[in-house]
């Protein structure tokens, strides 16, 4: 992996996805199937008509991303899955690859983190897996497990202040475990899945993943909690 940050607007080969086919998405994070049975399902997910324009399709995609944003749906279950399905539906119907969609439309969480980075993301492309001498799975089994590929994977979130998780992150010999925000994690996991599903041609996606991880680390370190505004008292006080 190169040591410099790759420009975010790097040109990526465009693939035309506008055709009909069965597109069954396996949610590798939960093990559940999230079927997109063709373009009709994709249009339904985005809430647009098949005759919509490219501008209308893009506007619908942005609206759906905002609708299922983790910062808006903090207590809603399934928001992760819905965000992924929205991205995959837009990929199917547009002329953009998944990396182009993420690079062009999903960088807000990396420019302006929505909260403190307490979620964990494992870059499985670099993970040593079961042969790692400092296995995060053995260190913090309540937060990590082994995927079917043998690499480690975060299966539980919200352990930002957990000492065992902190040790797992700090002792990772390949530095492939990162603290991120929920929105950043969804985007990174989606991009990682794209890389793992087509390892024969994933250099552009891998470069983008590396760039986003670096940017997330930088911006998350700069994040400051919003200051609480003092409550103004409506009660009159006579000081004299």
Protein backbone atom coordinates (compact mmCIF):
# COMPACT_ATOMS: atom_id res chain seq x y z
CA UNK A 1 0.00 0.00 0.00
CA UNK A 2 1.35 3.38 -0.91
CA UNK A 3 2.26 5.88 1.77
CA UNK A 4 0.62 8.95 0.26
CA UNK A 5 -3.04 9.88 0.24
CA UNK A 6 -4.72 9.26 -3.09
CA UNK A 7 -6.68 12.23 -4.53
CA UNK A 8 -10.41 11.84 -3.95
CA UNK A 9 -11.33 12.76 -7.50
CA UNK A 10 -9.22 10.05 -9.05
CA UNK A 11 -10.62 8.88 -12.37
CA UNK A 12 -12.24 5.47 -12.20
CA UNK A 13 -13.35 3.34 -15.10
CA UNK A 14 -17.09 3.76 -15.66
CA UNK A 15 -19.27 0.71 -15.99
CA UNK A 16 -22.78 0.88 -17.40
CA UNK A 17 -25.18 -0.87 -15.03
CA UNK A 18 -28.41 0.19 -16.71
CA UNK A 19 -29.81 -3.18 -17.71
CA UNK A 20 -32.12 -5.84 -16.31
CA UNK A 21 -30.74 -8.76 -14.34
CA UNK A 22 -31.21 -10.51 -11.03
CA UNK A 23 -29.08 -8.80 -8.43
CA UNK A 24 -29.12 -10.59 -5.09
CA UNK A 25 -27.11 -8.80 -2.47
CA UNK A 26 -25.68 -10.85 0.35
CA UNK A 27 -25.35 -8.75 3.46
CA UNK A 28 -22.08 -10.24 4.66
CA UNK A 29 -22.23 -8.24 7.89
CA UNK A 30 -25.44 -9.85 9.13
CA UNK A 31 -25.59 -12.98 7.02
CA UNK A 32 -29.03 -12.03 5.72
CA UNK A 33 -30.03 -11.89 2.08
CA UNK A 34 -31.08 -8.51 0.77
CA UNK A 35 -32.48 -9.39 -2.66
CA UNK A 36 -32.72 -6.90 -5.48
CA UNK A 37 -34.62 -8.94 -8.05
CA UNK A 38 -33.85 -6.60 -10.93
CA UNK A 39 -34.22 -2.99 -11.91
CA UNK A 40 -37.87 -2.89 -10.78
CA UNK A 41 -36.81 -3.55 -7.19
CA UNK A 42 -34.08 -0.92 -7.48
CA UNK A 43 -36.57 1.69 -8.71
CA UNK A 44 -38.89 0.76 -5.85
CA UNK A 45 -36.13 1.18 -3.24
CA UNK A 46 -35.29 4.64 -4.55
CA UNK A 47 -38.96 5.53 -4.97
CA UNK A 48 -38.73 6.65 -8.60
CA UNK A 49 -40.46 5.74 -11.87
CA UNK A 50 -38.52 3.79 -14.54
CA UNK A 51 -38.88 6.77 -16.89
CA UNK A 52 -37.21 9.19 -14.45
CA UNK A 53 -34.31 11.32 -15.61
CA UNK A 54 -30.73 10.96 -14.40
CA UNK A 55 -31.15 14.12 -12.32
CA UNK A 56 -34.32 12.75 -10.67
CA UNK A 57 -32.56 9.45 -9.98
CA UNK A 58 -29.64 11.25 -8.34
CA UNK A 59 -31.95 13.44 -6.26
CA UNK A 60 -33.89 10.37 -5.08
CA UNK A 61 -30.65 8.64 -4.12
CA UNK A 62 -29.50 11.63 -2.05
CA UNK A 63 -32.89 11.87 -0.35
CA UNK A 64 -32.84 8.18 0.60
CA UNK A 65 -29.30 8.42 1.97
CA UNK A 66 -30.43 11.28 4.20
CA UNK A 67 -33.59 9.39 5.20
CA UNK A 68 -31.68 6.35 6.47
CA UNK A 69 -28.65 8.24 7.78
CA UNK A 70 -27.51 6.66 11.09
CA UNK A 71 -27.35 10.06 12.73
CA UNK A 72 -31.06 10.52 11.98
CA UNK A 73 -32.05 6.91 12.75
CA UNK A 74 -29.89 6.22 15.79
CA UNK A 75 -32.48 3.96 17.40
CA UNK A 76 -33.86 2.44 14.20
CA UNK A 77 -32.87 -1.11 13.37
CA UNK A 78 -31.94 -1.94 9.81
CA UNK A 79 -30.67 1.50 8.79
CA UNK A 80 -27.29 -0.03 7.89
CA UNK A 81 -28.95 -2.53 5.55
CA UNK A 82 -31.16 0.12 3.96
CA UNK A 83 -28.23 2.45 3.27
CA UNK A 84 -26.41 -0.42 1.53
CA UNK A 85 -29.48 -1.32 -0.53
CA UNK A 86 -29.91 2.31 -1.57
CA UNK A 87 -26.27 2.45 -2.73
CA UNK A 88 -26.62 -0.86 -4.56
CA UNK A 89 -29.89 0.20 -6.21
CA UNK A 90 -28.31 3.42 -7.44
CA UNK A 91 -25.31 1.45 -8.70
CA UNK A 92 -27.63 -0.82 -10.68
CA UNK A 93 -29.62 2.00 -12.29
CA UNK A 94 -26.93 4.61 -12.88
CA UNK A 95 -23.84 4.72 -15.05
CA UNK A 96 -21.56 4.80 -12.02
CA UNK A 97 -19.55 2.11 -10.27
CA UNK A 98 -19.87 1.70 -6.52
CA UNK A 99 -16.56 3.44 -5.87
CA UNK A 100 -17.64 6.40 -8.02
CA UNK A 101 -20.93 6.67 -6.10
CA UNK A 102 -19.12 6.64 -2.77
CA UNK A 103 -16.46 9.06 -3.98
CA UNK A 104 -18.96 11.46 -5.49
CA UNK A 105 -21.91 11.28 -3.10
CA UNK A 106 -20.91 9.71 0.23
CA UNK A 107 -17.95 11.78 1.44
CA UNK A 108 -19.88 14.02 3.84
CA UNK A 109 -19.24 11.76 6.87
CA UNK A 110 -15.52 11.98 6.14
CA UNK A 111 -15.47 15.74 5.66
CA UNK A 112 -17.72 16.42 8.64
CA UNK A 113 -17.98 13.51 11.12
CA UNK A 114 -21.44 13.39 12.68
CA UNK A 115 -20.26 12.25 16.12
CA UNK A 116 -17.32 10.79 18.01
CA UNK A 117 -15.68 7.76 16.41
CA UNK A 118 -16.70 4.86 18.66
CA UNK A 119 -17.53 2.26 15.98
CA UNK A 120 -14.79 -0.10 14.77
CA UNK A 121 -13.95 -1.05 11.20
CA UNK A 122 -11.61 -3.88 10.19
CA UNK A 123 -9.88 -3.56 6.83
CA UNK A 124 -10.10 -7.23 5.96
CA UNK A 125 -7.97 -6.70 2.87
CA UNK A 126 -4.97 -6.29 5.21
CA UNK A 127 -6.02 -8.54 8.10
CA UNK A 128 -3.71 -11.48 8.93
CA UNK A 129 -6.71 -13.48 10.10
CA UNK A 130 -6.40 -16.51 12.34
CA UNK A 131 -2.62 -16.46 12.06
CA UNK A 132 -2.34 -13.06 13.74
CA UNK A 133 -0.26 -13.27 16.96
CA UNK A 134 -2.33 -10.45 18.48
CA UNK A 135 -5.77 -11.66 17.41
CA UNK A 136 -8.52 -9.13 18.07
CA UNK A 137 -11.00 -12.02 18.13
CA UNK A 138 -9.19 -13.61 21.06
CA UNK A 139 -8.64 -10.25 22.74
CA UNK A 140 -12.24 -9.01 22.43
CA UNK A 141 -14.54 -11.85 21.28
CA UNK A 142 -17.60 -9.80 22.20
CA UNK A 143 -16.73 -7.29 19.46
CA UNK A 144 -14.90 -9.33 16.80
CA UNK A 145 -15.28 -12.68 15.08
CA UNK A 146 -13.77 -14.53 12.13
CA UNK A 147 -15.49 -14.21 8.77
CA UNK A 148 -15.84 -17.15 6.38
CA UNK A 149 -12.66 -15.94 4.67
CA UNK A 150 -10.69 -16.38 7.90
CA UNK A 151 -10.16 -12.66 8.45
CA UNK A 152 -11.37 -10.77 11.50
CA UNK A 153 -14.56 -8.72 11.37
CA UNK A 154 -16.32 -6.39 13.79
CA UNK A 155 -19.71 -7.83 14.68
CA UNK A 156 -20.71 -5.56 17.53
CA UNK A 157 -20.47 -1.79 17.88
CA UNK A 158 -20.60 0.72 20.69
CA UNK A 159 -17.45 -0.44 22.49
CA UNK A 160 -15.48 2.77 22.08
CA UNK A 161 -14.53 2.91 25.76
CA UNK A 162 -14.04 -0.85 26.15
CA UNK A 163 -10.46 -1.50 27.28
CA UNK A 164 -10.19 -4.90 25.55
CA UNK A 165 -11.33 -3.37 22.25
CA UNK A 166 -8.85 -0.54 22.71
CA UNK A 167 -6.08 -3.12 23.19
CA UNK A 168 -7.18 -4.99 20.07
CA UNK A 169 -7.07 -1.79 18.03
CA UNK A 170 -3.74 -0.64 19.45
CA UNK A 171 -1.98 -4.02 19.19
CA UNK A 172 -3.07 -4.90 15.65
CA UNK A 173 0.29 -5.59 13.92
CA UNK A 174 -1.04 -4.47 10.53
CA UNK A 175 -2.95 -1.44 11.84
CA UNK A 176 -6.08 -2.60 10.06
CA UNK A 177 -8.61 -1.82 12.83
CA UNK A 178 -9.89 1.73 12.97
CA UNK A 179 -12.27 3.80 15.08
CA UNK A 180 -14.87 5.43 12.83
CA UNK A 181 -18.33 6.99 13.04
CA UNK A 182 -21.44 4.95 12.12
CA UNK A 183 -21.82 6.72 8.76
CA UNK A 184 -18.16 6.24 7.92
CA UNK A 185 -18.36 2.56 8.86
CA UNK A 186 -21.29 1.89 6.52
CA UNK A 187 -19.48 3.48 3.57
CA UNK A 188 -16.19 1.72 4.34
CA UNK A 189 -17.88 -1.67 4.75
CA UNK A 190 -19.75 -1.23 1.48
CA UNK A 191 -16.55 -0.33 -0.33
CA UNK A 192 -14.68 -3.22 1.31
CA UNK A 193 -17.37 -5.69 0.22
CA UNK A 194 -16.96 -4.42 -3.35
CA UNK A 195 -13.20 -5.07 -3.11
CA UNK A 196 -13.58 -8.55 -1.63
CA UNK A 197 -16.18 -9.54 -4.23
CA UNK A 198 -13.89 -8.72 -7.17
CA UNK A 199 -10.26 -9.01 -6.05
CA UNK A 200 -9.09 -9.35 -9.66
CA UNK A 201 -9.81 -5.68 -10.45
CA UNK A 202 -10.05 -3.64 -7.26
CA UNK A 203 -7.00 -1.36 -7.30
CA UNK A 204 -9.10 1.81 -7.67
CA UNK A 205 -11.45 0.75 -4.87
CA UNK A 206 -8.50 -0.22 -2.64
CA UNK A 207 -6.88 3.18 -3.19
CA UNK A 208 -10.15 4.92 -2.35
CA UNK A 209 -10.62 2.79 0.77
CA UNK A 210 -7.14 3.70 1.98
CA UNK A 211 -7.75 7.39 1.30
CA UNK A 212 -11.04 7.38 3.19
CA UNK A 213 -9.51 5.61 6.19
CA UNK A 214 -6.72 8.20 6.34
CA UNK A 215 -9.20 11.06 6.00
CA UNK A 216 -11.52 9.58 8.63
CA UNK A 217 -8.64 9.27 11.09
CA UNK A 218 -7.60 12.87 10.49
CA UNK A 219 -11.07 14.41 10.70
CA UNK A 220 -12.17 12.25 13.65
CA UNK A 221 -9.17 13.46 15.65
CA UNK A 222 -10.30 17.02 14.97
CA UNK A 223 -13.91 16.39 15.95
CA UNK A 224 -15.17 18.35 18.92
CA UNK A 225 -18.38 17.71 20.78
CA UNK A 226 -20.98 20.44 20.32
CA UNK A 227 -20.88 22.69 23.34
CA UNK A 228 -23.99 22.71 25.48
CA UNK A 229 -25.67 26.08 25.56
CA UNK A 230 -26.44 27.35 29.06
CA UNK A 231 -30.12 27.41 29.82
CA UNK A 232 -31.54 30.89 30.04
CA UNK A 233 -33.60 31.38 33.15
CA UNK A 234 -37.00 32.98 32.74
CA UNK A 235 -37.28 33.63 36.45
CA UNK A 236 -36.73 37.24 37.53
CA UNK A 237 -34.09 37.69 40.19
CA UNK A 238 -34.00 40.86 42.26
CA UNK A 239 -30.38 41.43 43.23
CA UNK A 240 -31.14 44.50 45.32
